[in-house]
Protein backbone atom coordinates (compact mmCIF):
# COMPACT_ATOMS: atom_id res chain seq x y z
CA MET A 1 -44.13 33.94 64.82
CA GLY A 2 -44.26 30.23 65.20
CA GLY A 3 -47.90 30.20 64.03
CA ARG A 4 -49.34 28.84 60.92
CA ARG A 5 -49.19 30.77 57.59
CA PRO A 6 -52.32 32.82 56.73
CA THR A 7 -54.62 31.00 54.50
CA ALA A 8 -54.37 33.84 51.99
CA GLN A 9 -50.64 33.19 51.53
CA GLY A 10 -51.02 29.57 50.62
CA ARG A 11 -48.40 27.02 49.71
CA GLY A 12 -46.02 27.40 46.91
CA HIS A 13 -47.89 24.92 44.77
CA GLU A 14 -51.39 26.13 45.50
CA CYS A 15 -53.38 28.87 43.80
CA GLY A 16 -54.09 31.96 45.90
CA PRO A 17 -54.12 35.67 45.97
CA ASP A 18 -51.37 37.53 44.08
CA ARG A 19 -48.41 37.67 46.53
CA ARG A 20 -47.38 40.96 44.99
CA ALA A 21 -50.74 42.67 45.63
CA ALA A 22 -50.34 46.14 46.98
CA ALA A 23 -50.35 46.53 50.78
CA PRO A 24 -52.61 49.17 52.50
CA LEU A 25 -50.97 52.57 52.74
CA THR A 26 -51.52 52.90 56.54
CA THR A 27 -52.19 50.72 59.47
CA ARG A 28 -53.43 51.32 62.93
CA ALA A 29 -51.29 50.84 66.04
CA PRO A 30 -52.74 48.40 68.44
CA GLY A 31 -54.46 49.95 71.40
CA THR A 32 -54.16 53.62 70.11
CA GLY A 33 -56.33 53.75 67.06
CA ALA A 34 -53.84 56.10 65.38
CA ASP A 35 -52.67 55.61 61.86
CA VAL A 36 -49.00 54.68 61.54
CA ALA A 37 -47.01 54.80 58.25
CA PRO A 38 -46.00 51.29 57.15
CA ALA A 39 -42.37 50.22 56.74
CA PRO A 40 -41.01 50.80 53.31
CA VAL A 41 -41.37 47.84 50.95
CA PRO A 42 -38.55 47.10 48.53
CA PRO A 43 -39.58 47.65 44.88
CA ALA A 44 -40.27 44.57 42.90
CA LEU A 45 -37.48 43.14 40.75
CA PRO A 46 -37.69 44.08 37.12
CA PRO A 47 -38.87 41.27 34.77
CA PRO A 48 -36.07 39.45 32.81
CA ARG A 49 -35.46 40.92 29.35
CA ALA A 50 -37.06 38.81 26.69
CA VAL A 51 -35.06 37.51 23.74
CA PRO A 52 -36.73 38.40 20.38
CA SER A 53 -38.05 35.36 18.70
CA GLY A 54 -37.72 34.42 15.04
CA GLY A 55 -34.13 33.20 14.92
CA ALA A 56 -31.30 31.50 16.67
CA ALA A 57 -29.85 32.88 19.90
CA ASP A 58 -26.62 33.66 18.16
CA ASP A 59 -26.21 35.16 14.79
CA ARG A 60 -23.51 34.43 12.16
CA ARG A 61 -21.13 36.85 13.77
CA GLY A 62 -21.11 34.92 17.06
CA ARG A 63 -23.12 37.66 19.02
CA LEU A 64 -26.31 37.09 21.03
CA ARG A 65 -29.21 39.08 19.69
CA GLY A 66 -30.41 41.82 21.93
CA ARG A 67 -26.99 42.69 23.47
CA PRO A 68 -26.32 46.35 23.32
CA GLU A 69 -22.68 45.89 22.41
CA ARG A 70 -20.05 43.24 21.85
CA ARG A 71 -17.61 42.90 24.67
CA PRO A 72 -14.04 41.77 24.05
CA LEU A 73 -13.10 38.19 24.94
CA ARG A 74 -11.03 37.85 28.09
CA ARG A 75 -7.82 36.07 27.28
CA GLY A 76 -6.93 34.68 30.68
CA ASP A 77 -5.66 31.36 29.18
CA ARG A 78 -3.41 31.82 26.15
CA ARG A 79 -4.34 28.35 24.88
CA LEU A 80 -8.00 29.32 24.51
CA ARG A 81 -8.81 31.17 21.40
CA ALA A 82 -12.06 32.59 20.15
CA ASP A 83 -11.77 31.04 16.67
CA ARG A 84 -11.33 27.63 18.12
CA LEU A 85 -14.44 27.75 20.43
CA ARG A 86 -18.07 27.02 19.80
CA ALA A 87 -21.15 27.72 21.95
CA GLN A 88 -20.94 24.28 23.43
CA GLY A 89 -17.24 24.52 24.40
CA ARG A 90 -13.88 23.67 22.75
CA ARG A 91 -14.05 22.13 19.36
CA PRO A 92 -13.45 18.34 19.32
CA PRO A 93 -10.36 17.07 17.54
CA ARG A 94 -10.43 16.96 13.66
CA VAL A 95 -13.38 19.37 13.40
CA ALA A 96 -12.91 21.88 10.54
CA ALA A 97 -12.76 25.53 11.24
CA ALA A 98 -15.58 27.91 10.34
CA PRO A 99 -15.87 28.86 6.63
CA GLY A 100 -14.10 32.11 5.73
CA ARG A 101 -11.41 31.76 8.39
CA ALA A 102 -9.07 29.31 6.75
CA GLY A 103 -6.68 31.99 5.50
CA ARG A 104 -5.90 33.40 8.96
CA ALA A 105 -2.41 32.54 10.16
CA ARG A 106 -2.43 30.53 13.29
CA PRO A 107 0.38 28.94 15.28
CA ARG A 108 0.82 25.19 14.94
CA LEU A 109 -0.70 22.98 17.57
CA VAL A 110 1.26 20.15 19.08
CA GLY A 111 0.41 17.35 21.56
CA GLY A 112 -3.01 15.91 21.63
CA ALA A 113 -1.78 12.50 22.80
CA GLY A 114 -3.73 10.49 25.41
CA GLY A 115 -6.94 12.57 24.92
CA HIS A 116 -5.32 15.89 26.03
CA PRO A 117 -6.22 18.98 23.93
CA PRO A 118 -3.41 20.33 21.81
CA ALA A 119 -1.43 23.38 23.05
CA ALA A 120 -0.26 26.25 20.79
CA ALA A 121 3.54 26.62 20.60
CA ARG A 122 4.65 30.05 21.71
CA GLY A 123 6.52 32.28 19.31
CA ARG A 124 5.38 30.01 16.41
CA ARG A 125 7.91 27.39 17.47
CA VAL A 126 7.04 23.67 17.63
CA ALA A 127 6.64 22.67 21.24
CA HIS A 128 7.84 19.39 22.70
CA PRO A 129 5.23 16.73 22.98
CA ARG A 130 3.86 15.88 26.42
CA ALA A 131 5.45 13.21 28.52
CA GLY A 132 2.70 10.69 27.73
CA ALA A 133 2.82 11.19 23.93
CA ARG A 134 3.92 8.13 21.99
CA GLY A 135 5.04 7.86 18.40
CA ALA A 136 4.12 5.18 15.88
CA PRO A 137 4.95 1.60 16.83
CA ALA A 138 8.27 0.22 15.45
CA ALA A 139 6.42 -2.47 13.51
CA ALA A 140 4.36 0.27 11.69
CA ARG A 141 7.54 2.20 10.87
CA ALA A 142 9.22 -0.92 9.52
CA ILE A 143 6.18 -1.69 7.34
CA ALA A 144 6.10 1.90 5.99
CA ARG A 145 9.84 1.92 5.29
CA PRO A 146 10.57 1.11 1.55
CA SER A 147 12.83 -1.83 0.88
CA THR A 148 15.00 -2.90 -2.00
CA THR A 149 15.77 -6.43 -3.19
CA TYR A 150 19.23 -7.29 -4.60
CA ARG A 151 20.47 -10.36 -6.45
CA LEU A 152 23.90 -11.43 -5.25
CA VAL A 153 26.45 -13.88 -6.64
CA LEU A 154 28.38 -15.47 -3.83
CA ALA A 155 31.60 -17.51 -3.82
CA TYR A 156 32.90 -19.25 -0.68
CA ASP A 157 35.18 -21.88 0.70
CA GLY A 158 32.86 -24.09 2.74
CA THR A 159 35.61 -25.94 4.65
CA GLU A 160 35.08 -24.05 7.94
CA TYR A 161 31.29 -23.89 7.63
CA HIS A 162 28.46 -26.24 8.67
CA GLY A 163 26.75 -25.80 5.31
CA TRP A 164 24.69 -22.94 3.93
CA GLN A 165 21.54 -22.83 6.04
CA THR A 166 21.49 -21.01 9.40
CA GLN A 167 21.75 -23.35 12.41
CA PRO A 168 21.72 -22.40 16.08
CA GLY A 169 25.13 -22.63 17.63
CA ALA A 170 26.91 -23.43 14.32
CA ARG A 171 28.87 -21.26 11.87
CA THR A 172 27.09 -21.25 8.54
CA VAL A 173 27.46 -19.24 5.31
CA GLN A 174 23.92 -17.89 5.48
CA GLY A 175 24.35 -16.93 9.15
CA THR A 176 27.69 -15.18 8.39
CA LEU A 177 26.24 -13.31 5.42
CA THR A 178 23.16 -12.23 7.34
CA GLU A 179 25.19 -10.88 10.23
CA ALA A 180 27.52 -8.95 7.91
CA ALA A 181 24.57 -7.59 5.88
CA ARG A 182 22.73 -6.41 8.96
CA ARG A 183 25.78 -4.55 10.17
CA ALA A 184 26.33 -2.88 6.76
CA LEU A 185 22.77 -2.35 5.49
CA GLY A 186 20.44 -2.38 8.56
CA ALA A 187 18.98 -4.70 11.10
CA GLY A 188 15.95 -5.67 8.99
CA THR A 189 18.03 -7.22 6.13
CA ARG A 190 16.94 -10.67 4.97
CA VAL A 191 18.97 -13.27 3.07
CA THR A 192 17.83 -16.28 0.99
CA GLY A 193 20.09 -18.71 -0.84
CA ALA A 194 19.24 -20.68 -3.99
CA SER A 195 21.06 -23.87 -2.87
CA ARG A 196 21.41 -25.28 0.62
CA THR A 197 24.91 -26.70 0.31
CA ASP A 198 26.11 -29.21 2.84
CA ALA A 199 28.85 -28.82 5.42
CA GLY A 200 32.24 -28.55 3.66
CA VAL A 201 30.72 -27.93 0.24
CA HIS A 202 31.97 -24.90 -1.78
CA ALA A 203 30.40 -22.48 -4.23
CA LEU A 204 31.65 -20.55 -7.24
CA ARG A 205 28.40 -18.79 -8.02
CA GLN A 206 25.80 -19.21 -5.34
CA ALA A 207 22.71 -17.09 -6.01
CA VAL A 208 21.35 -15.00 -3.09
CA SER A 209 18.43 -12.71 -2.76
CA LEU A 210 18.95 -9.90 -0.30
CA THR A 211 16.28 -7.52 0.91
CA ALA A 212 17.25 -4.36 2.82
CA GLY A 213 15.80 -1.01 3.72
CA VAL A 214 18.33 0.94 1.73
CA ALA A 215 18.52 2.06 -1.90
CA LEU A 216 22.14 1.75 -3.04
CA GLY A 217 23.85 0.83 -6.26
CA GLY A 218 25.08 -2.68 -6.80
CA ALA A 219 28.73 -1.76 -6.55
CA ALA A 220 28.11 0.01 -3.18
CA VAL A 221 26.27 -3.06 -1.80
CA ARG A 222 29.00 -5.35 -2.97
CA GLY A 223 31.73 -3.19 -1.44
CA ALA A 224 29.90 -2.80 1.81
CA LEU A 225 29.29 -6.55 2.18
CA ASN A 226 32.82 -7.58 1.25
CA ALA A 227 34.16 -5.11 3.84
CA ALA A 228 32.12 -6.87 6.47
CA LEU A 229 32.50 -10.51 5.41
CA PRO A 230 35.47 -12.85 6.22
CA ARG A 231 37.92 -13.63 3.45
CA ASP A 232 36.57 -17.09 2.66
CA VAL A 233 33.23 -15.58 1.58
CA ARG A 234 33.10 -13.04 -1.23
CA VAL A 235 30.33 -11.22 -3.00
CA VAL A 236 31.26 -11.52 -6.78
CA ASP A 237 28.36 -9.53 -8.12
CA ALA A 238 25.41 -7.53 -6.75
CA ARG A 239 22.56 -5.84 -8.64
CA GLU A 240 19.02 -4.62 -7.96
CA ALA A 241 16.31 -7.28 -8.58
CA PRO A 242 12.52 -6.96 -9.00
CA ALA A 243 10.56 -6.65 -5.85
CA GLY A 244 9.65 -10.01 -4.35
CA PHE A 245 12.52 -11.91 -6.07
CA ASN A 246 13.37 -15.09 -4.22
CA ALA A 247 16.58 -16.77 -5.25
CA ARG A 248 15.47 -20.26 -4.30
CA ARG A 249 11.95 -20.21 -5.70
CA ALA A 250 12.89 -18.49 -8.94
CA ALA A 251 15.70 -20.99 -9.78
CA HIS A 252 15.17 -23.30 -12.76
CA GLY A 253 18.13 -25.58 -12.11
CA LYS A 254 21.66 -25.97 -10.68
CA ARG A 255 24.99 -27.17 -11.89
CA TYR A 256 27.46 -28.95 -9.68
CA ALA A 257 31.07 -30.14 -10.29
CA TYR A 258 32.93 -32.82 -8.37
CA LEU A 259 36.71 -32.79 -8.53
CA VAL A 260 38.77 -36.01 -8.07
CA ASP A 261 42.58 -35.91 -7.51
CA ASN A 262 43.70 -39.18 -9.14
CA ALA A 263 47.46 -38.76 -8.57
CA PRO A 264 49.32 -41.47 -6.61
CA ILE A 265 50.37 -38.85 -4.13
CA ALA A 266 47.73 -36.28 -3.01
CA ASN A 267 48.28 -32.61 -4.16
CA PRO A 268 48.48 -30.55 -0.87
CA LEU A 269 47.01 -27.55 -2.77
CA LEU A 270 43.84 -29.58 -3.60
CA ARG A 271 43.38 -31.03 -0.14
CA ARG A 272 40.44 -28.75 0.68
CA PHE A 273 38.84 -28.96 -2.76
CA ALA A 274 39.19 -32.45 -4.16
CA TRP A 275 38.77 -36.14 -3.23
CA HIS A 276 41.96 -38.05 -3.43
CA VAL A 277 41.57 -41.39 -5.15
CA PRO A 278 44.98 -42.96 -5.65
CA TRP A 279 43.80 -45.74 -8.02
CA PRO A 280 43.51 -45.39 -11.78
CA LEU A 281 40.01 -44.57 -13.05
CA ASP A 282 38.48 -45.75 -16.24
CA THR A 283 36.68 -42.62 -17.42
CA VAL A 284 35.08 -44.47 -20.38
CA ALA A 285 33.41 -47.00 -18.11
CA MET A 286 32.29 -44.19 -15.84
CA ARG A 287 30.63 -42.34 -18.78
CA ALA A 288 28.81 -45.50 -19.80
CA ALA A 289 27.55 -46.16 -16.25
CA LEU A 290 26.23 -42.60 -15.78
CA ALA A 291 24.45 -42.42 -19.17
CA PRO A 292 21.15 -44.24 -18.02
CA LEU A 293 20.78 -41.63 -15.27
CA ARG A 294 19.91 -38.84 -17.78
CA GLY A 295 16.29 -37.75 -17.87
CA ARG A 296 13.44 -37.89 -15.48
CA HIS A 297 13.79 -40.61 -12.82
CA ASP A 298 13.12 -41.56 -9.24
CA PHE A 299 16.53 -41.04 -7.57
CA SER A 300 15.56 -42.64 -4.24
CA ALA A 301 18.66 -44.96 -4.53
CA PHE A 302 20.90 -41.90 -4.26
CA CYS A 303 19.08 -40.03 -1.48
CA ALA A 304 20.29 -39.87 2.09
CA SER A 305 17.86 -40.67 4.90
CA PRO A 306 17.09 -37.08 5.99
CA GLY A 307 15.78 -36.24 2.51
CA ARG A 308 13.47 -39.19 1.86
CA ALA A 309 10.32 -37.27 2.86
CA LYS A 310 10.60 -35.09 -0.31
CA ASP A 311 9.49 -35.93 -3.87
CA PRO A 312 12.32 -38.22 -5.22
CA VAL A 313 11.65 -37.48 -8.88
CA CYS A 314 14.22 -35.22 -10.47
CA VAL A 315 15.27 -34.33 -14.03
CA LEU A 316 18.97 -34.94 -14.62
CA ARG A 317 19.52 -32.81 -17.72
CA ALA A 318 23.23 -33.53 -18.28
CA VAL A 319 26.09 -35.54 -16.83
CA HIS A 320 29.74 -35.47 -18.03
CA VAL A 321 33.03 -36.98 -17.02
CA ILE A 322 36.14 -34.93 -17.95
CA ARG A 323 39.73 -35.95 -17.32
CA ARG A 324 42.86 -33.69 -17.38
CA ARG A 325 46.07 -35.61 -16.63
CA GLU A 326 45.83 -36.63 -12.95
CA ARG A 327 42.52 -34.94 -12.21
CA SER A 328 38.96 -35.90 -13.11
CA ALA A 329 35.78 -33.97 -12.85
CA ILE A 330 32.17 -35.14 -12.93
CA LEU A 331 29.67 -32.45 -13.98
CA LEU A 332 25.90 -32.71 -13.33
CA SER A 333 22.98 -30.36 -14.25
CA ALA A 334 19.48 -30.96 -12.92
CA ASP A 335 16.29 -29.08 -12.07
CA ARG A 336 16.60 -30.13 -8.39
CA TYR A 337 18.62 -32.48 -6.21
CA LEU A 338 17.92 -34.77 -3.25
CA HIS A 339 19.96 -34.76 -0.09
CA HIS A 340 23.47 -36.07 -0.79
CA MET A 341 22.34 -37.03 -4.34
CA VAL A 342 25.32 -35.71 -6.21
CA ARG A 343 27.94 -37.18 -3.75
CA ASN A 344 26.20 -40.67 -3.83
CA ILE A 345 26.25 -40.66 -7.65
CA VAL A 346 29.85 -39.73 -7.64
CA GLY A 347 30.75 -42.47 -5.13
CA SER A 348 28.90 -45.08 -7.31
CA ALA A 349 30.64 -43.79 -10.48
CA VAL A 350 34.09 -44.05 -8.87
CA ASP A 351 33.42 -47.66 -7.90
CA VAL A 352 32.77 -48.32 -11.63
CA GLY A 353 35.82 -46.43 -12.68
CA ARG A 354 38.25 -48.28 -10.40
CA GLY A 355 36.84 -51.64 -11.60
CA ALA A 356 34.89 -52.64 -8.54
CA ARG A 357 31.52 -52.64 -10.43
CA ALA A 358 30.40 -53.19 -14.03
CA PRO A 359 29.13 -50.25 -16.08
CA ASP A 360 25.61 -51.64 -16.31
CA TRP A 361 25.34 -52.01 -12.51
CA LEU A 362 24.35 -48.39 -11.97
CA ALA A 363 21.29 -48.72 -14.08
CA GLY A 364 19.97 -51.52 -11.85
CA VAL A 365 20.65 -49.45 -8.77
CA LEU A 366 18.56 -46.66 -10.17
CA ALA A 367 15.64 -49.03 -10.99
CA ALA A 368 15.81 -50.71 -7.57
CA ARG A 369 15.40 -47.43 -5.65
CA ASP A 370 17.36 -48.92 -2.82
CA ARG A 371 20.02 -46.77 -1.20
CA THR A 372 21.83 -49.78 0.24
CA LEU A 373 22.66 -50.96 -3.26
CA ALA A 374 24.47 -47.81 -4.35
CA GLY A 375 28.05 -46.91 -3.78
CA PRO A 376 29.57 -44.90 -0.89
CA THR A 377 29.02 -41.16 -0.38
CA ALA A 378 31.94 -39.17 -1.73
CA PRO A 379 33.41 -36.68 0.73
CA ALA A 380 32.10 -33.10 0.78
CA GLN A 381 35.30 -31.16 -0.01
CA GLY A 382 35.29 -32.15 -3.70
CA LEU A 383 31.79 -30.77 -4.46
CA VAL A 384 31.33 -27.24 -5.81
CA LEU A 385 28.17 -25.39 -6.77
CA VAL A 386 29.05 -24.00 -10.17
CA ARG A 387 25.97 -22.02 -11.11
CA VAL A 388 22.29 -21.43 -10.46
CA LEU A 389 20.07 -21.27 -13.56
CA TYR A 390 17.24 -18.77 -14.06
CA ALA A 391 14.87 -18.02 -16.96
CA GLY A 392 16.26 -15.71 -19.56
């Protein structure tokens, strides 16, 4: 004890005599010379059992070759199942099952969110997802949801509205319709109008494209919207339109009418819908003055300041002056209009009709392209959008 190891034993990494060499059967006791039986030596450990070569360690039946018998799998964890295991561990997600086992009935697996393995629902009932599980984002659900486009015909009294287009902090026709449509048809409903009428301007047949995440008949959409809209806005017609239909971009033209109350005393029933002009109007002179405006021209002389950044060239297809007793109407049809264009033309025509200007004066104003040379802007309450024109 405490001494060095015998040289015959050697180190673990050196070559030397076989450590398992048989020891002498007897030994002599020191000082006596008598033979003494040695202490019993434990038998050597049996060598490990060799695995036969010539194949994989496991056969097609999932058993190790050389095993005397197949022992049943211990089912300590109900979530672990033999048909969902491999030699290396649990099968990763989305790995197909072994061939020939697809027909076996298995309980549905749920969960799997956040990298956790799915768990089998007991009793073949669908289990609740884990607390960390999250569904598809709202944006993805909105994209996947089918939508339907409708073409509406709208009539409204624009007296109490700040025009058609939505404005922050102001009551508009588009804003009112959008709010009602989202209450009736869903929060994702979108509304687009064909004409952006000014504040106080009315409409008999404004065209609107409405896109919603519902599939209803035209009559049902019309009824739902009218139930949610105020009484000064009505949906006259509603029908399904092709996908992608846009009421403003698809329009080929618009027709407007301007009503003038030419009686000496204003009619109170027309106060919200006509311009009261108490002087007599020469409708023949008005027709002669408006005739040169037909066709394709630069209408810069009749454009208000906010609209001068746009292309001033428009095609005025028709212009008419109609008189019925004490009321006159000026009708215009064009492919497009500039800001306040119709009202500025009407104001200039009224100047000619009451004798303040000669009939040929309006042609010079058109050629000059100078807004300061034209007549006044007619008030908004007499203007009505009659119709929006489409192909076919």
